[in-house]
Amino acid sequence: MTRSKIVISLKASALEHLDTLVAKAAFPSRSQAIQQAEEEKLARLDRSRLARECADLDPVFEKMLAEEGLSADVVAWPE
């Protein structure tokens, strides 16, 4: 996957914390730490969006959709 270079601004305290993690070998570099944080944050946002969308679903309507056409199949099932 192609990566692009960008410039970001961080609070001094955040940069110090980041540098401490790199010094303790929690991450090989600042860049890797920020990349992982960005990927995890975007994944969490996607999961929470999916959860919100699922919460908006009507269970009765969804069940009806799932069972649509099932009655014709049931006739062909062995007893």
PDB file of N, CA and C in Angstrom:
ATOM      1  N   MET A   1       0.837  -1.165   0.000  1.00  0.00           N
ATOM      2  CA  MET A   1       0.000   0.000   0.000  1.00  0.00           C
ATOM      3  C   MET A   1       0.891   1.239   0.000  1.00  0.00           C
ATOM      4  N   THR A   2       0.545   2.185  -0.808  1.00  0.00           N
ATOM      5  CA  THR A   2       1.300   3.426  -0.904  1.00  0.00           C
ATOM      6  C   THR A   2       1.015   4.294   0.309  1.00  0.00           C
ATOM      7  N   ARG A   3       2.048   4.897   0.824  1.00  0.00           N
ATOM      8  CA  ARG A   3       1.902   5.804   1.969  1.00  0.00           C
ATOM      9  C   ARG A   3       2.239   7.208   1.521  1.00  0.00           C
ATOM     10  N   SER A   4       1.601   8.179   2.138  1.00  0.00           N
ATOM     11  CA  SER A   4       1.863   9.586   1.858  1.00  0.00           C
ATOM     12  C   SER A   4       2.425  10.238   3.107  1.00  0.00           C
ATOM     13  N   LYS A   5       3.309  11.163   2.911  1.00  0.00           N
ATOM     14  CA  LYS A   5       3.869  11.914   4.033  1.00  0.00           C
ATOM     15  C   LYS A   5       3.006  13.131   4.281  1.00  0.00           C
ATOM     16  N   ILE A   6       2.771  13.402   5.561  1.00  0.00           N
ATOM     17  CA  ILE A   6       2.008  14.573   5.955  1.00  0.00           C
ATOM     18  C   ILE A   6       2.733  15.257   7.116  1.00  0.00           C
ATOM     19  N   VAL A   7       2.308  16.446   7.430  1.00  0.00           N
ATOM     20  CA  VAL A   7       2.836  17.163   8.579  1.00  0.00           C
ATOM     21  C   VAL A   7       1.697  17.332   9.568  1.00  0.00           C
ATOM     22  N   ILE A   8       1.963  17.022  10.847  1.00  0.00           N
ATOM     23  CA  ILE A   8       0.942  17.198  11.874  1.00  0.00           C
ATOM     24  C   ILE A   8       1.527  18.021  13.021  1.00  0.00           C
ATOM     25  N   SER A   9       0.649  18.597  13.797  1.00  0.00           N
ATOM     26  CA  SER A   9       1.059  19.333  14.994  1.00  0.00           C
ATOM     27  C   SER A   9       0.523  18.594  16.207  1.00  0.00           C
ATOM     28  N   LEU A  10       1.375  18.420  17.206  1.00  0.00           N
ATOM     29  CA  LEU A  10       0.978  17.757  18.448  1.00  0.00           C
ATOM     30  C   LEU A  10       1.297  18.656  19.626  1.00  0.00           C
ATOM     31  N   LYS A  11       0.548  18.487  20.705  1.00  0.00           N
ATOM     32  CA  LYS A  11       0.894  19.159  21.952  1.00  0.00           C
ATOM     33  C   LYS A  11       2.248  18.628  22.415  1.00  0.00           C
ATOM     34  N   ALA A  12       2.993  19.465  23.094  1.00  0.00           N
ATOM     35  CA  ALA A  12       4.314  19.060  23.601  1.00  0.00           C
ATOM     36  C   ALA A  12       4.193  17.835  24.503  1.00  0.00           C
ATOM     37  N   SER A  13       3.158  17.797  25.335  1.00  0.00           N
ATOM     38  CA  SER A  13       2.985  16.654  26.245  1.00  0.00           C
ATOM     39  C   SER A  13       2.708  15.360  25.481  1.00  0.00           C
ATOM     40  N   ALA A  14       1.939  15.448  24.393  1.00  0.00           N
ATOM     41  CA  ALA A  14       1.650  14.262  23.581  1.00  0.00           C
ATOM     42  C   ALA A  14       2.923  13.770  22.901  1.00  0.00           C
ATOM     43  N   LEU A  15       3.741  14.701  22.416  1.00  0.00           N
ATOM     44  CA  LEU A  15       4.990  14.317  21.761  1.00  0.00           C
ATOM     45  C   LEU A  15       5.956  13.675  22.755  1.00  0.00           C
ATOM     46  N   GLU A  16       6.009  14.210  23.961  1.00  0.00           N
ATOM     47  CA  GLU A  16       6.863  13.613  24.999  1.00  0.00           C
ATOM     48  C   GLU A  16       6.406  12.201  25.315  1.00  0.00           C
ATOM     49  N   HIS A  17       5.094  12.015  25.444  1.00  0.00           N
ATOM     50  CA  HIS A  17       4.546  10.681  25.710  1.00  0.00           C
ATOM     51  C   HIS A  17       4.884   9.729  24.559  1.00  0.00           C
ATOM     52  N   LEU A  18       4.721  10.195  23.369  1.00  0.00           N
ATOM     53  CA  LEU A  18       5.038   9.405  22.177  1.00  0.00           C
ATOM     54  C   LEU A  18       6.515   9.005  22.169  1.00  0.00           C
ATOM     55  N   ASP A  19       7.387   9.966  22.454  1.00  0.00           N
ATOM     56  CA  ASP A  19       8.818   9.680  22.486  1.00  0.00           C
ATOM     57  C   ASP A  19       9.167   8.689  23.592  1.00  0.00           C
ATOM     58  N   THR A  20       8.471   8.759  24.712  1.00  0.00           N
ATOM     59  CA  THR A  20       8.694   7.798  25.802  1.00  0.00           C
ATOM     60  C   THR A  20       8.330   6.385  25.348  1.00  0.00           C
ATOM     61  N   LEU A  21       7.217   6.265  24.653  1.00  0.00           N
ATOM     62  CA  LEU A  21       6.801   4.940  24.153  1.00  0.00           C
ATOM     63  C   LEU A  21       7.804   4.387  23.147  1.00  0.00           C
ATOM     64  N   VAL A  22       8.322   5.237  22.288  1.00  0.00           N
ATOM     65  CA  VAL A  22       9.329   4.802  21.314  1.00  0.00           C
ATOM     66  C   VAL A  22      10.602   4.394  22.042  1.00  0.00           C
ATOM     67  N   ALA A  23      11.012   5.169  23.057  1.00  0.00           N
ATOM     68  CA  ALA A  23      12.225   4.847  23.827  1.00  0.00           C
ATOM     69  C   ALA A  23      12.086   3.513  24.564  1.00  0.00           C
ATOM     70  N   LYS A  24      10.858   3.194  24.997  1.00  0.00           N
ATOM     71  CA  LYS A  24      10.605   1.928  25.697  1.00  0.00           C
ATOM     72  C   LYS A  24      10.352   0.783  24.722  1.00  0.00           C
ATOM     73  N   ALA A  25      10.513   1.051  23.440  1.00  0.00           N
ATOM     74  CA  ALA A  25      10.341   0.055  22.368  1.00  0.00           C
ATOM     75  C   ALA A  25       8.898  -0.436  22.240  1.00  0.00           C
ATOM     76  N   ALA A  26       7.946   0.363  22.690  1.00  0.00           N
ATOM     77  CA  ALA A  26       6.542   0.012  22.460  1.00  0.00           C
ATOM     78  C   ALA A  26       6.214   0.162  20.978  1.00  0.00           C
ATOM     79  N   PHE A  27       6.938   1.075  20.316  1.00  0.00           N
ATOM     80  CA  PHE A  27       6.815   1.299  18.878  1.00  0.00           C
ATOM     81  C   PHE A  27       8.213   1.517  18.318  1.00  0.00           C
ATOM     82  N   PRO A  28       8.439   1.103  17.082  1.00  0.00           N
ATOM     83  CA  PRO A  28       9.768   1.313  16.492  1.00  0.00           C
ATOM     84  C   PRO A  28      10.053   2.771  16.141  1.00  0.00           C
ATOM     85  N   SER A  29       8.997   3.574  15.959  1.00  0.00           N
ATOM     86  CA  SER A  29       9.202   4.971  15.581  1.00  0.00           C
ATOM     87  C   SER A  29       7.948   5.780  15.881  1.00  0.00           C
ATOM     88  N   ARG A  30       8.097   7.097  15.866  1.00  0.00           N
ATOM     89  CA  ARG A  30       6.936   7.976  16.022  1.00  0.00           C
ATOM     90  C   ARG A  30       5.919   7.698  14.924  1.00  0.00           C
ATOM     91  N   SER A  31       6.424   7.575  13.725  1.00  0.00           N
ATOM     92  CA  SER A  31       5.557   7.365  12.571  1.00  0.00           C
ATOM     93  C   SER A  31       4.697   6.112  12.735  1.00  0.00           C
ATOM     94  N   GLN A  32       5.334   5.029  13.167  1.00  0.00           N
ATOM     95  CA  GLN A  32       4.590   3.770  13.343  1.00  0.00           C
ATOM     96  C   GLN A  32       3.544   3.908  14.451  1.00  0.00           C
ATOM     97  N   ALA A  33       3.879   4.600  15.513  1.00  0.00           N
ATOM     98  CA  ALA A  33       2.934   4.796  16.616  1.00  0.00           C
ATOM     99  C   ALA A  33       1.713   5.581  16.134  1.00  0.00           C
ATOM    100  N   ILE A  34       1.953   6.641  15.392  1.00  0.00           N
ATOM    101  CA  ILE A  34       0.855   7.467  14.902  1.00  0.00           C
ATOM    102  C   ILE A  34       0.028   6.706  13.870  1.00  0.00           C
ATOM    103  N   GLN A  35       0.677   5.930  13.015  1.00  0.00           N
ATOM    104  CA  GLN A  35      -0.060   5.126  12.030  1.00  0.00           C
ATOM    105  C   GLN A  35      -0.980   4.137  12.730  1.00  0.00           C
ATOM    106  N   GLN A  36      -0.462   3.460  13.753  1.00  0.00           N
ATOM    107  CA  GLN A  36      -1.288   2.476  14.458  1.00  0.00           C
ATOM    108  C   GLN A  36      -2.458   3.156  15.169  1.00  0.00           C
ATOM    109  N   ALA A  37      -2.194   4.301  15.792  1.00  0.00           N
ATOM    110  CA  ALA A  37      -3.263   5.033  16.477  1.00  0.00           C
ATOM    111  C   ALA A  37      -4.348   5.457  15.490  1.00  0.00           C
ATOM    112  N   GLU A  38      -3.939   5.926  14.336  1.00  0.00           N
ATOM    113  CA  GLU A  38      -4.892   6.362  13.308  1.00  0.00           C
ATOM    114  C   GLU A  38      -5.722   5.180  12.813  1.00  0.00           C
ATOM    115  N   GLU A  39      -5.073   4.042  12.549  1.00  0.00           N
ATOM    116  CA  GLU A  39      -5.803   2.865  12.066  1.00  0.00           C
ATOM    117  C   GLU A  39      -6.802   2.373  13.110  1.00  0.00           C
ATOM    118  N   GLU A  40      -6.385   2.335  14.374  1.00  0.00           N
ATOM    119  CA  GLU A  40      -7.284   1.874  15.433  1.00  0.00           C
ATOM    120  C   GLU A  40      -8.464   2.830  15.618  1.00  0.00           C
ATOM    121  N   LYS A  41      -8.214   4.118  15.561  1.00  0.00           N
ATOM    122  CA  LYS A  41      -9.290   5.106  15.722  1.00  0.00           C
ATOM    123  C   LYS A  41     -10.304   4.985  14.592  1.00  0.00           C
ATOM    124  N   LEU A  42      -9.834   4.873  13.363  1.00  0.00           N
ATOM    125  CA  LEU A  42     -10.755   4.743  12.233  1.00  0.00           C
ATOM    126  C   LEU A  42     -11.559   3.448  12.321  1.00  0.00           C
ATOM    127  N   ALA A  43     -10.927   2.368  12.771  1.00  0.00           N
ATOM    128  CA  ALA A  43     -11.639   1.098  12.930  1.00  0.00           C
ATOM    129  C   ALA A  43     -12.730   1.231  13.994  1.00  0.00           C
ATOM    130  N   ARG A  44     -12.416   1.908  15.113  1.00  0.00           N
ATOM    131  CA  ARG A  44     -13.424   2.131  16.164  1.00  0.00           C
ATOM    132  C   ARG A  44     -14.579   2.967  15.638  1.00  0.00           C
ATOM    133  N   LEU A  45     -14.278   3.990  14.866  1.00  0.00           N
ATOM    134  CA  LEU A  45     -15.342   4.821  14.299  1.00  0.00           C
ATOM    135  C   LEU A  45     -16.243   4.003  13.382  1.00  0.00           C
ATOM    136  N   ASP A  46     -15.640   3.132  12.572  1.00  0.00           N
ATOM    137  CA  ASP A  46     -16.437   2.281  11.683  1.00  0.00           C
ATOM    138  C   ASP A  46     -17.331   1.336  12.489  1.00  0.00           C
ATOM    139  N   ARG A  47     -16.773   0.743  13.553  1.00  0.00           N
ATOM    140  CA  ARG A  47     -17.572  -0.176  14.377  1.00  0.00           C
ATOM    141  C   ARG A  47     -18.713   0.562  15.068  1.00  0.00           C
ATOM    142  N   SER A  48     -18.450   1.753  15.576  1.00  0.00           N
ATOM    143  CA  SER A  48     -19.513   2.479  16.266  1.00  0.00           C
ATOM    144  C   SER A  48     -20.583   2.945  15.277  1.00  0.00           C
ATOM    145  N   ARG A  49     -20.181   3.290  14.064  1.00  0.00           N
ATOM    146  CA  ARG A  49     -21.154   3.669  13.031  1.00  0.00           C
ATOM    147  C   ARG A  49     -22.042   2.478  12.709  1.00  0.00           C
ATOM    148  N   LEU A  50     -21.439   1.296  12.566  1.00  0.00           N
ATOM    149  CA  LEU A  50     -22.207   0.085  12.282  1.00  0.00           C
ATOM    150  C   LEU A  50     -23.162  -0.220  13.430  1.00  0.00           C
ATOM    151  N   ALA A  51     -22.698  -0.056  14.665  1.00  0.00           N
ATOM    152  CA  ALA A  51     -23.561  -0.307  15.823  1.00  0.00           C
ATOM    153  C   ALA A  51     -24.737   0.657  15.841  1.00  0.00           C
ATOM    154  N   ARG A  52     -24.482   1.935  15.529  1.00  0.00           N
ATOM    155  CA  ARG A  52     -25.584   2.912  15.487  1.00  0.00           C
ATOM    156  C   ARG A  52     -26.586   2.547  14.404  1.00  0.00           C
ATOM    157  N   GLU A  53     -26.085   2.135  13.241  1.00  0.00           N
ATOM    158  CA  GLU A  53     -26.995   1.765  12.152  1.00  0.00           C
ATOM    159  C   GLU A  53     -27.798   0.527  12.507  1.00  0.00           C
ATOM    160  N   CYS A  54     -27.177  -0.442  13.165  1.00  0.00           N
ATOM    161  CA  CYS A  54     -27.897  -1.657  13.567  1.00  0.00           C
ATOM    162  C   CYS A  54     -28.959  -1.340  14.618  1.00  0.00           C
ATOM    163  N   ALA A  55     -28.664  -0.396  15.496  1.00  0.00           N
ATOM    164  CA  ALA A  55     -29.628  -0.020  16.534  1.00  0.00           C
ATOM    165  C   ALA A  55     -30.870   0.615  15.921  1.00  0.00           C
ATOM    166  N   ASP A  56     -30.722   1.209  14.759  1.00  0.00           N
ATOM    167  CA  ASP A  56     -31.858   1.856  14.094  1.00  0.00           C
ATOM    168  C   ASP A  56     -32.738   0.876  13.322  1.00  0.00           C
ATOM    169  N   LEU A  57     -32.320  -0.377  13.204  1.00  0.00           N
ATOM    170  CA  LEU A  57     -33.088  -1.355  12.440  1.00  0.00           C
ATOM    171  C   LEU A  57     -34.337  -1.767  13.198  1.00  0.00           C
ATOM    172  N   ASP A  58     -35.385  -2.060  12.468  1.00  0.00           N
ATOM    173  CA  ASP A  58     -36.640  -2.544  13.040  1.00  0.00           C
ATOM    174  C   ASP A  58     -36.580  -4.071  13.051  1.00  0.00           C
ATOM    175  N   PRO A  59     -36.506  -4.688  14.243  1.00  0.00           N
ATOM    176  CA  PRO A  59     -36.360  -6.154  14.308  1.00  0.00           C
ATOM    177  C   PRO A  59     -37.475  -6.918  13.605  1.00  0.00           C
ATOM    178  N   VAL A  60     -38.696  -6.429  13.704  1.00  0.00           N
ATOM    179  CA  VAL A  60     -39.831  -7.112  13.064  1.00  0.00           C
ATOM    180  C   VAL A  60     -39.674  -7.079  11.545  1.00  0.00           C
ATOM    181  N   PHE A  61     -39.335  -5.914  11.015  1.00  0.00           N
ATOM    182  CA  PHE A  61     -39.146  -5.771   9.576  1.00  0.00           C
ATOM    183  C   PHE A  61     -37.960  -6.612   9.095  1.00  0.00           C
ATOM    184  N   GLU A  62     -36.883  -6.611   9.848  1.00  0.00           N
ATOM    185  CA  GLU A  62     -35.699  -7.388   9.459  1.00  0.00           C
ATOM    186  C   GLU A  62     -36.002  -8.887   9.462  1.00  0.00           C
ATOM    187  N   LYS A  63     -36.781  -9.341  10.432  1.00  0.00           N
ATOM    188  CA  LYS A  63     -37.162 -10.760  10.479  1.00  0.00           C
ATOM    189  C   LYS A  63     -38.022 -11.107   9.273  1.00  0.00           C
ATOM    190  N   MET A  64     -38.946 -10.200   8.937  1.00  0.00           N
ATOM    191  CA  MET A  64     -39.813 -10.427   7.781  1.00  0.00           C
ATOM    192  C   MET A  64     -38.961 -10.547   6.510  1.00  0.00           C
ATOM    193  N   LEU A  65     -37.975  -9.671   6.356  1.00  0.00           N
ATOM    194  CA  LEU A  65     -37.103  -9.750   5.185  1.00  0.00           C
ATOM    195  C   LEU A  65     -36.320 -11.057   5.155  1.00  0.00           C
ATOM    196  N   ALA A  66     -35.827 -11.472   6.320  1.00  0.00           N
ATOM    197  CA  ALA A  66     -35.035 -12.703   6.395  1.00  0.00           C
ATOM    198  C   ALA A  66     -35.869 -13.932   6.037  1.00  0.00           C
ATOM    199  N   GLU A  67     -37.146 -13.892   6.406  1.00  0.00           N
ATOM    200  CA  GLU A  67     -38.006 -15.046   6.165  1.00  0.00           C
ATOM    201  C   GLU A  67     -38.723 -14.993   4.822  1.00  0.00           C
ATOM    202  N   GLU A  68     -38.565 -13.890   4.107  1.00  0.00           N
ATOM    203  CA  GLU A  68     -39.238 -13.725   2.820  1.00  0.00           C
ATOM    204  C   GLU A  68     -38.822 -14.847   1.871  1.00  0.00           C
ATOM    205  N   GLY A  69     -39.773 -15.531   1.316  1.00  0.00           N
ATOM    206  CA  GLY A  69     -39.478 -16.607   0.376  1.00  0.00           C
ATOM    207  C   GLY A  69     -39.147 -17.919   1.058  1.00  0.00           C
ATOM    208  N   LEU A  70     -39.034 -17.921   2.363  1.00  0.00           N
ATOM    209  CA  LEU A  70     -38.672 -19.135   3.090  1.00  0.00           C
ATOM    210  C   LEU A  70     -39.797 -20.157   3.064  1.00  0.00           C
ATOM    211  N   SER A  71     -41.053 -19.704   3.047  1.00  0.00           N
ATOM    212  CA  SER A  71     -42.174 -20.644   3.097  1.00  0.00           C
ATOM    213  C   SER A  71     -42.181 -21.578   1.896  1.00  0.00           C
ATOM    214  N   ALA A  72     -41.762 -21.109   0.737  1.00  0.00           N
ATOM    215  CA  ALA A  72     -41.697 -21.984  -0.445  1.00  0.00           C
ATOM    216  C   ALA A  72     -40.618 -23.039  -0.267  1.00  0.00           C
ATOM    217  N   ASP A  73     -39.530 -22.675   0.375  1.00  0.00           N
ATOM    218  CA  ASP A  73     -38.462 -23.650   0.615  1.00  0.00           C
ATOM    219  C   ASP A  73     -38.856 -24.694   1.641  1.00  0.00           C
ATOM    220  N   VAL A  74     -39.651 -24.314   2.626  1.00  0.00           N
ATOM    221  CA  VAL A  74     -40.030 -25.222   3.692  1.00  0.00           C
ATOM    222  C   VAL A  74     -40.814 -26.404   3.146  1.00  0.00           C
ATOM    223  N   VAL A  75     -41.628 -26.172   2.114  1.00  0.00           N
ATOM    224  CA  VAL A  75     -42.439 -27.249   1.518  1.00  0.00           C
ATOM    225  C   VAL A  75     -41.522 -28.325   0.953  1.00  0.00           C
ATOM    226  N   ALA A  76     -40.400 -27.946   0.402  1.00  0.00           N
ATOM    227  CA  ALA A  76     -39.493 -28.895  -0.231  1.00  0.00           C
ATOM    228  C   ALA A  76     -38.596 -29.608   0.767  1.00  0.00           C
ATOM    229  N   TRP A  77     -38.549 -29.157   2.028  1.00  0.00           N
ATOM    230  CA  TRP A  77     -37.687 -29.804   3.034  1.00  0.00           C
ATOM    231  C   TRP A  77     -38.275 -31.135   3.456  1.00  0.00           C
ATOM    232  N   PRO A  78     -37.411 -32.123   3.671  1.00  0.00           N
ATOM    233  CA  PRO A  78     -37.906 -33.414   4.143  1.00  0.00           C
ATOM    234  C   PRO A  78     -38.408 -33.286   5.580  1.00  0.00           C
ATOM    235  N   GLU A  79     -39.340 -34.125   5.936  1.00  0.00           N
ATOM    236  CA  GLU A  79     -39.932 -34.112   7.289  1.00  0.00           C
ATOM    237  C   GLU A  79     -38.914 -34.540   8.312  1.00  0.00           C
TER     238      GLU A  79
END
